Each structure stands twice: as structure tokens, then as C-alpha cells.
Amino acid sequence: LSQLTYEYFLARSWKVGADVDHEAERIDRQKAAFGGDTVARLKDLNVLIVGCGGVGVETAKNLILSNVGGVMIWDPSACRPADRGTNFYVTDEHVAKGVGRAYASLPELRSLNPFCRVDVADASSNVGISDDLLLGKDILGTGRPLAAVVVTSLGIMPKADLLRVNETARANGIAFILAANHGVTASIFSDFGPRHEIADATGEPTQTLAIANVEIIDSKPDLLSIHGINHGEKVVIVTVAQTEHGLDDGDVVSFDDMRDAMACLNGKAVKVKRVAISSPVSDT
């Protein structure tokens, strides 16, 4: 390295004081774990968490550390002695003063990530969680609506209100999740609406394979056995360099870094089928 390049490298690697972009550093670490697309989607999410018991405060903590755009917490209940065993932010002083569980949790939740907006949704109204709250277009000043509602207790609101919140969320493209703990048992329910698409059916990380050969066969011979492809149909046989590729019928692959005459394939996604070679049957 030249001296100039070396000094530039040091300047980029050892930023201090006001020059440090802490959010960028946090996002860089997230990208390594989640991928850039997921990180970008997380930053656009505003989530309403109903209930600040054990499940609620843990959910809020994890979302805030994941660097979502904003988290609102709603819980009209005052702190009780039992909360000391589930909500790790509730103190004896909170219990003695009857502080609301949401307000008792707020300072510590805010301290987890200065780049995530965290606040308490007003629980003083007799209407509970209103449609105005659910359908707000500028949640916590982010300029975006709610993306999800997470209910963490079955006893925090009447059943009729719970069903109304679910129906309102479903009708307006807001994910609705119920996750409640009942001692040794738990309940989980999710409603992502009628148009929810699963982009990652398995949760497995994306696999990168190297193409060893591409061959176009104008008429499939009987020697090749491909499910759903008849004799004489045109097929494209792609051979990968890895012997253990793990691909199966119906899996989707996309092409990248194709060059020259095959550059037109870059970015295209196709479903694959496995190819088997049938053993010829002798007449003797």
C-alpha cells in the first residue's frame, strides 16, 4: 500500500467522536446477520405492542434492538408485585407507586436504541385501542402507518375489542399477531391478511451455486426423466459445480453474473426440476 492509501485506510477504519456513524455501524452488523433487504424493511416498520407483561416487554426489547422504525406500547394496568417476576424493568418503587406498566418500561426501552422511536400509546381513554390509533398515518412522527399489532395478553381487553382490533388490522393491511403466555401453556395466532405472500418458505439462507455447464436440448430423449416434461419437449439442462446442491423440484433459482450471450438471464428467476437418467433396457 502507498502511504496515502494507508493513511486513508486508517482514517476510514478509526473514525472517532462526531465522525462515527453509529447507526450505520449497527446496520452493517445487522446486514451480516439478516441481509440488506431485511434490514431495509425493518427500518420501515412501526409496531404497536399491547401489554407490557413478560411477553410484551421481551417483544418490545427484541424489536427495538432489531432497529425497527418505531415501537408503541399500550398497557393501562398498574404495576403489581407479580410483574416483578416477568417484566425485568418493573421495580419495587413502581409497584409501590402504582406506576403504569407501560410507563415503567418506557425509559429502559428507549435506552436500548437511540435510532428507534419508542413511546407509550395513550391508555387513558375508555375506548381502549381506538381505530384512530390503529389507522394513524404518522406513527411516532415517522411519516408511516402501523405495520403490525402484537397482542401479548388475552386478559388486557374485552374479547369484543380484541376481535375489532383484529378485523380493523386485517382490513387495512396491518399484520395482527397474538402471543400470550398462560403459565406452562401459550397461545399464538397470526393474521397477515388475505394477500400475504411468503417470500421465504423455509427460512434457510440463500445458497450460491456455480454453474458448470448449460446445454439446450431441442427434443428431450427418453433417456432423460424429468417430471412433467414429455418426450420431444425442449429443455435446458444446467449443471452446477457442487455435487450436493440440495435443489428439488419446484425450487426457485435466479441467475447472476452471466456473461456474453447469456447476460440476458441475469436477474431472471425460474423453477427447476431434477433430471434423472434412465437406464436403457436391453432386449436380450
Protein backbone atom coordinates (compact mmCIF):
# COMPACT_ATOMS: atom_id res chain seq x y z
CA LEU A 1 0.00 0.00 0.00
CA SER A 2 1.16 3.51 -0.70
CA GLN A 3 1.46 5.88 2.27
CA LEU A 4 -1.56 7.87 1.02
CA THR A 5 -3.70 4.75 0.71
CA TYR A 6 -2.57 3.56 4.12
CA GLU A 7 -3.48 6.86 5.78
CA TYR A 8 -6.87 6.85 4.05
CA PHE A 9 -7.48 3.32 5.27
CA LEU A 10 -6.70 4.33 8.84
CA ALA A 11 -8.94 7.37 8.61
CA ARG A 12 -11.85 5.22 7.42
CA SER A 13 -11.25 2.48 9.98
CA TRP A 14 -10.69 4.59 13.07
CA LYS A 15 -13.31 7.33 12.96
CA VAL A 16 -13.82 8.89 16.36
CA GLY A 17 -16.07 11.39 18.06
CA ALA A 18 -18.65 13.13 15.87
CA ASP A 19 -17.34 11.36 12.75
CA VAL A 20 -18.62 7.96 13.88
CA ASP A 21 -21.90 6.94 12.22
CA HIS A 22 -23.23 4.68 14.97
CA GLU A 23 -26.44 3.79 13.18
CA ALA A 24 -24.52 2.80 10.04
CA GLU A 25 -22.24 0.60 12.16
CA ARG A 26 -25.25 -1.05 13.81
CA ILE A 27 -26.90 -1.60 10.41
CA ASP A 28 -23.69 -3.08 8.99
CA ARG A 29 -23.72 -5.69 11.73
CA GLN A 30 -27.39 -6.42 11.06
CA LYS A 31 -26.80 -6.83 7.35
CA ALA A 32 -24.34 -9.59 8.06
CA ALA A 33 -27.00 -11.43 10.08
CA PHE A 34 -30.26 -10.60 8.27
CA GLY A 35 -29.29 -9.40 4.80
CA GLY A 36 -29.62 -5.89 3.37
CA ASP A 37 -33.20 -6.29 2.12
CA THR A 38 -34.48 -7.42 5.51
CA VAL A 39 -32.69 -4.59 7.32
CA ALA A 40 -34.24 -2.03 4.95
CA ARG A 41 -37.71 -3.47 5.54
CA LEU A 42 -37.27 -3.47 9.31
CA LYS A 43 -36.43 0.23 9.36
CA ASP A 44 -39.81 0.99 7.76
CA LEU A 45 -41.84 -0.90 10.39
CA ASN A 46 -43.92 0.70 13.12
CA VAL A 47 -45.27 -1.79 15.66
CA LEU A 48 -47.92 -1.44 18.37
CA ILE A 49 -47.37 -3.81 21.30
CA VAL A 50 -50.40 -4.42 23.52
CA GLY A 51 -49.42 -5.45 27.02
CA CYS A 52 -46.20 -4.95 28.97
CA GLY A 53 -46.02 -8.22 30.82
CA GLY A 54 -43.22 -10.70 30.26
CA VAL A 55 -44.06 -11.44 26.63
CA GLY A 56 -44.78 -7.81 25.79
CA VAL A 57 -41.60 -6.29 27.20
CA GLU A 58 -39.46 -9.05 25.67
CA THR A 59 -41.11 -8.46 22.28
CA ALA A 60 -40.56 -4.73 22.56
CA LYS A 61 -36.92 -5.20 23.54
CA ASN A 62 -36.18 -7.51 20.60
CA LEU A 63 -37.91 -5.27 18.07
CA ILE A 64 -36.10 -2.16 19.31
CA LEU A 65 -32.74 -3.91 19.15
CA SER A 66 -33.62 -5.05 15.62
CA ASN A 67 -33.74 -1.34 14.65
CA VAL A 68 -37.36 -1.09 13.52
CA GLY A 69 -38.64 2.41 12.82
CA GLY A 70 -40.88 2.79 15.84
CA VAL A 71 -42.44 0.86 18.73
CA MET A 72 -45.55 1.95 20.63
CA ILE A 73 -46.52 0.19 23.85
CA TRP A 74 -50.07 0.14 25.26
CA ASP A 75 -50.95 -1.14 28.72
CA PRO A 76 -53.46 0.52 31.09
CA SER A 77 -52.57 -1.79 34.00
CA ALA A 78 -50.62 -0.58 37.03
CA CYS A 79 -47.53 -2.46 38.18
CA ARG A 80 -48.21 -5.30 40.62
CA PRO A 81 -45.84 -7.40 42.73
CA ALA A 82 -46.29 -10.31 40.29
CA ASP A 83 -44.89 -8.14 37.49
CA ARG A 84 -41.51 -8.15 39.21
CA GLY A 85 -41.16 -11.77 38.12
CA THR A 86 -41.95 -11.21 34.44
CA ASN A 87 -41.13 -7.63 33.45
CA PHE A 88 -37.44 -7.03 34.14
CA TYR A 89 -37.93 -3.25 34.04
CA VAL A 90 -40.52 -3.10 36.85
CA THR A 91 -39.07 -2.16 40.25
CA ASP A 92 -40.40 -2.22 43.79
CA GLU A 93 -40.80 1.56 43.58
CA HIS A 94 -43.01 1.22 40.51
CA VAL A 95 -45.20 -1.26 42.37
CA ALA A 96 -45.42 0.92 45.50
CA LYS A 97 -46.42 4.00 43.49
CA GLY A 98 -48.80 2.13 41.17
CA VAL A 99 -46.99 3.28 38.04
CA GLY A 100 -48.48 2.01 34.80
CA ARG A 101 -46.57 -0.93 33.34
CA ALA A 102 -46.07 0.87 30.02
CA TYR A 103 -44.61 3.98 31.67
CA ALA A 104 -42.44 1.87 33.99
CA SER A 105 -40.93 0.13 30.96
CA LEU A 106 -40.54 3.19 28.73
CA PRO A 107 -37.22 4.70 29.94
CA GLU A 108 -35.31 1.43 29.75
CA LEU A 109 -36.78 0.50 26.37
CA ARG A 110 -35.82 3.89 24.95
CA SER A 111 -32.26 3.46 26.17
CA LEU A 112 -31.78 0.30 24.10
CA ASN A 113 -31.54 2.03 20.73
CA PRO A 114 -31.49 5.79 20.14
CA PHE A 115 -32.33 5.25 16.46
CA CYS A 116 -35.70 3.59 17.17
CA ARG A 117 -38.61 5.79 18.24
CA VAL A 118 -40.33 4.41 21.34
CA ASP A 119 -43.33 5.85 23.17
CA VAL A 120 -46.47 4.96 25.11
CA ALA A 121 -49.82 4.95 23.32
CA ASP A 122 -52.45 6.79 25.35
CA ALA A 123 -54.29 4.28 27.52
CA SER A 124 -56.39 6.79 29.45
CA SER A 125 -59.35 6.65 27.08
CA ASN A 126 -62.29 4.40 27.90
CA VAL A 127 -62.44 3.18 24.29
CA GLY A 128 -59.21 1.22 24.66
CA ILE A 129 -57.31 0.90 21.40
CA SER A 130 -59.23 3.14 19.02
CA ASP A 131 -59.41 2.84 15.26
CA ASP A 132 -57.86 6.30 15.07
CA LEU A 133 -54.76 4.90 16.79
CA LEU A 134 -54.64 1.85 14.54
CA LEU A 135 -55.11 3.80 11.32
CA GLY A 136 -52.85 6.76 12.03
CA LYS A 137 -50.69 7.78 9.06
CA ASP A 138 -47.81 9.32 11.02
CA ILE A 139 -46.96 6.98 13.86
CA LEU A 140 -44.39 8.49 16.26
CA GLY A 141 -43.50 11.13 13.70
CA THR A 142 -42.06 8.59 11.26
CA GLY A 143 -44.43 9.56 8.45
CA ARG A 144 -45.55 5.94 8.16
CA PRO A 145 -48.58 3.98 9.47
CA LEU A 146 -48.58 0.89 11.66
CA ALA A 147 -47.23 -2.26 10.05
CA ALA A 148 -48.12 -4.68 12.84
CA VAL A 149 -50.07 -5.06 16.08
CA VAL A 150 -48.78 -7.57 18.63
CA VAL A 151 -51.19 -8.50 21.44
CA THR A 152 -49.38 -10.19 24.33
CA SER A 153 -52.21 -10.82 26.80
CA LEU A 154 -55.71 -12.25 26.44
CA GLY A 155 -56.96 -10.50 29.57
CA ILE A 156 -55.86 -6.99 28.75
CA MET A 157 -59.02 -6.09 26.82
CA PRO A 158 -62.54 -7.48 26.30
CA LYS A 159 -62.95 -10.17 23.65
CA ALA A 160 -65.11 -7.86 21.52
CA ASP A 161 -62.33 -5.25 21.45
CA LEU A 162 -59.75 -7.90 20.61
CA LEU A 163 -61.82 -9.08 17.63
CA ARG A 164 -62.39 -5.49 16.49
CA VAL A 165 -58.66 -4.73 16.57
CA ASN A 166 -58.01 -7.88 14.54
CA GLU A 167 -60.67 -7.05 11.96
CA THR A 168 -59.52 -3.44 11.61
CA ALA A 169 -55.92 -4.53 11.18
CA ARG A 170 -56.84 -7.19 8.61
CA ALA A 171 -58.97 -4.79 6.59
CA ASN A 172 -56.17 -2.22 6.40
CA GLY A 173 -53.13 -4.35 5.63
CA ILE A 174 -51.76 -4.37 9.19
CA ALA A 175 -50.30 -7.63 10.45
CA PHE A 176 -52.02 -8.91 13.61
CA ILE A 177 -50.17 -11.25 15.97
CA LEU A 178 -51.37 -12.64 19.29
CA ALA A 179 -48.78 -14.27 21.53
CA ALA A 180 -49.87 -14.90 25.11
CA ASN A 181 -48.36 -16.92 27.92
CA HIS A 182 -50.58 -18.75 30.44
CA GLY A 183 -48.06 -20.25 32.80
CA VAL A 184 -46.99 -23.59 31.37
CA THR A 185 -49.05 -23.10 28.19
CA ALA A 186 -49.12 -20.43 25.49
CA SER A 187 -51.30 -19.23 22.61
CA ILE A 188 -50.04 -18.00 19.26
CA PHE A 189 -52.20 -16.62 16.45
CA SER A 190 -51.18 -14.64 13.37
CA ASP A 191 -53.28 -12.90 10.72
CA PHE A 192 -51.31 -11.30 7.88
CA GLY A 193 -54.37 -10.58 5.77
CA PRO A 194 -55.83 -12.17 2.63
CA ARG A 195 -52.96 -11.11 0.37
CA HIS A 196 -49.96 -12.14 2.43
CA GLU A 197 -47.18 -13.65 0.34
CA ILE A 198 -44.43 -15.81 1.83
CA ALA A 199 -41.17 -14.94 0.12
CA ASP A 200 -39.07 -17.32 2.20
CA ALA A 201 -40.93 -20.58 2.79
CA THR A 202 -38.12 -22.39 4.63
CA GLY A 203 -36.15 -19.68 6.40
CA GLU A 204 -32.96 -21.21 5.08
CA PRO A 205 -30.20 -18.81 3.94
CA THR A 206 -29.89 -18.21 0.22
CA GLN A 207 -27.48 -20.65 -1.38
CA THR A 208 -25.00 -19.62 -4.06
CA LEU A 209 -24.06 -22.21 -6.67
CA ALA A 210 -21.57 -22.09 -9.53
CA ILE A 211 -22.78 -23.15 -12.98
CA ALA A 212 -20.52 -25.67 -14.65
CA ASN A 213 -22.40 -26.15 -17.91
CA VAL A 214 -25.58 -25.11 -19.74
CA GLU A 215 -26.99 -27.25 -22.54
CA ILE A 216 -30.11 -26.68 -24.65
CA ILE A 217 -31.83 -29.87 -25.87
CA ASP A 218 -34.42 -29.23 -28.56
CA SER A 219 -36.10 -32.59 -28.08
CA LYS A 220 -35.98 -34.42 -24.75
CA PRO A 221 -34.87 -38.02 -25.30
CA ASP A 222 -36.37 -40.95 -23.43
CA LEU A 223 -33.04 -41.38 -21.67
CA LEU A 224 -33.78 -38.25 -19.59
CA SER A 225 -36.52 -38.48 -16.99
CA ILE A 226 -37.93 -35.11 -15.91
CA HIS A 227 -41.20 -34.93 -14.00
CA GLY A 228 -43.87 -33.08 -16.01
CA ILE A 229 -41.79 -32.88 -19.20
CA ASN A 230 -42.89 -35.08 -22.12
CA HIS A 231 -40.77 -36.77 -24.74
CA GLY A 232 -39.76 -34.37 -27.50
CA GLU A 233 -40.17 -31.14 -25.49
CA LYS A 234 -37.41 -28.55 -25.41
CA VAL A 235 -35.39 -28.43 -22.18
CA VAL A 236 -32.42 -26.55 -20.79
CA ILE A 237 -30.03 -28.63 -18.68
CA VAL A 238 -27.99 -26.66 -16.15
CA THR A 239 -25.19 -28.47 -14.35
CA VAL A 240 -23.76 -26.95 -11.18
CA ALA A 241 -20.26 -27.45 -9.89
CA GLN A 242 -21.36 -28.55 -6.43
CA THR A 243 -22.29 -32.21 -6.07
CA GLU A 244 -24.52 -31.53 -3.03
CA HIS A 245 -26.69 -28.67 -4.28
CA GLY A 246 -29.83 -29.52 -2.28
CA LEU A 247 -32.21 -28.38 -5.04
CA ASP A 248 -35.55 -30.12 -5.52
CA ASP A 249 -38.46 -29.95 -7.96
CA GLY A 250 -40.17 -26.57 -7.74
CA ASP A 251 -37.29 -24.71 -6.10
CA VAL A 252 -36.64 -21.23 -7.48
CA VAL A 253 -33.22 -20.11 -8.66
CA SER A 254 -32.13 -16.76 -10.05
CA PHE A 255 -29.20 -16.13 -12.35
CA ASP A 256 -26.41 -13.66 -11.66
CA ASP A 257 -23.06 -12.79 -13.19
CA MET A 258 -23.98 -14.42 -16.51
CA ARG A 259 -21.89 -13.01 -19.34
CA ASP A 260 -21.73 -12.61 -23.10
CA ALA A 261 -24.66 -14.28 -24.88
CA MET A 262 -26.17 -15.39 -21.56
CA ALA A 263 -26.13 -11.97 -19.91
CA CYS A 264 -29.84 -11.65 -20.70
CA LEU A 265 -30.53 -14.24 -17.97
CA ASN A 266 -29.21 -12.03 -15.16
CA GLY A 267 -31.91 -11.33 -12.60
CA LYS A 268 -34.36 -13.88 -14.00
CA ALA A 269 -35.89 -16.41 -11.61
CA VAL A 270 -37.01 -19.86 -12.78
CA LYS A 271 -38.36 -23.01 -11.18
CA VAL A 272 -36.12 -26.02 -11.53
CA LYS A 273 -36.75 -29.73 -11.98
CA ARG A 274 -34.35 -32.52 -11.23
CA VAL A 275 -33.10 -34.63 -14.10
CA ALA A 276 -32.69 -38.39 -13.84
CA ILE A 277 -31.00 -40.60 -16.39
CA SER A 278 -32.99 -43.72 -17.14
CA SER A 279 -31.09 -46.94 -17.62
CA PRO A 280 -31.62 -48.39 -21.09
CA VAL A 281 -33.45 -51.69 -21.11
CA SER A 282 -31.78 -54.40 -23.15
CA ASP A 283 -33.88 -56.57 -25.45
CA THR A 284 -31.76 -59.61 -24.64
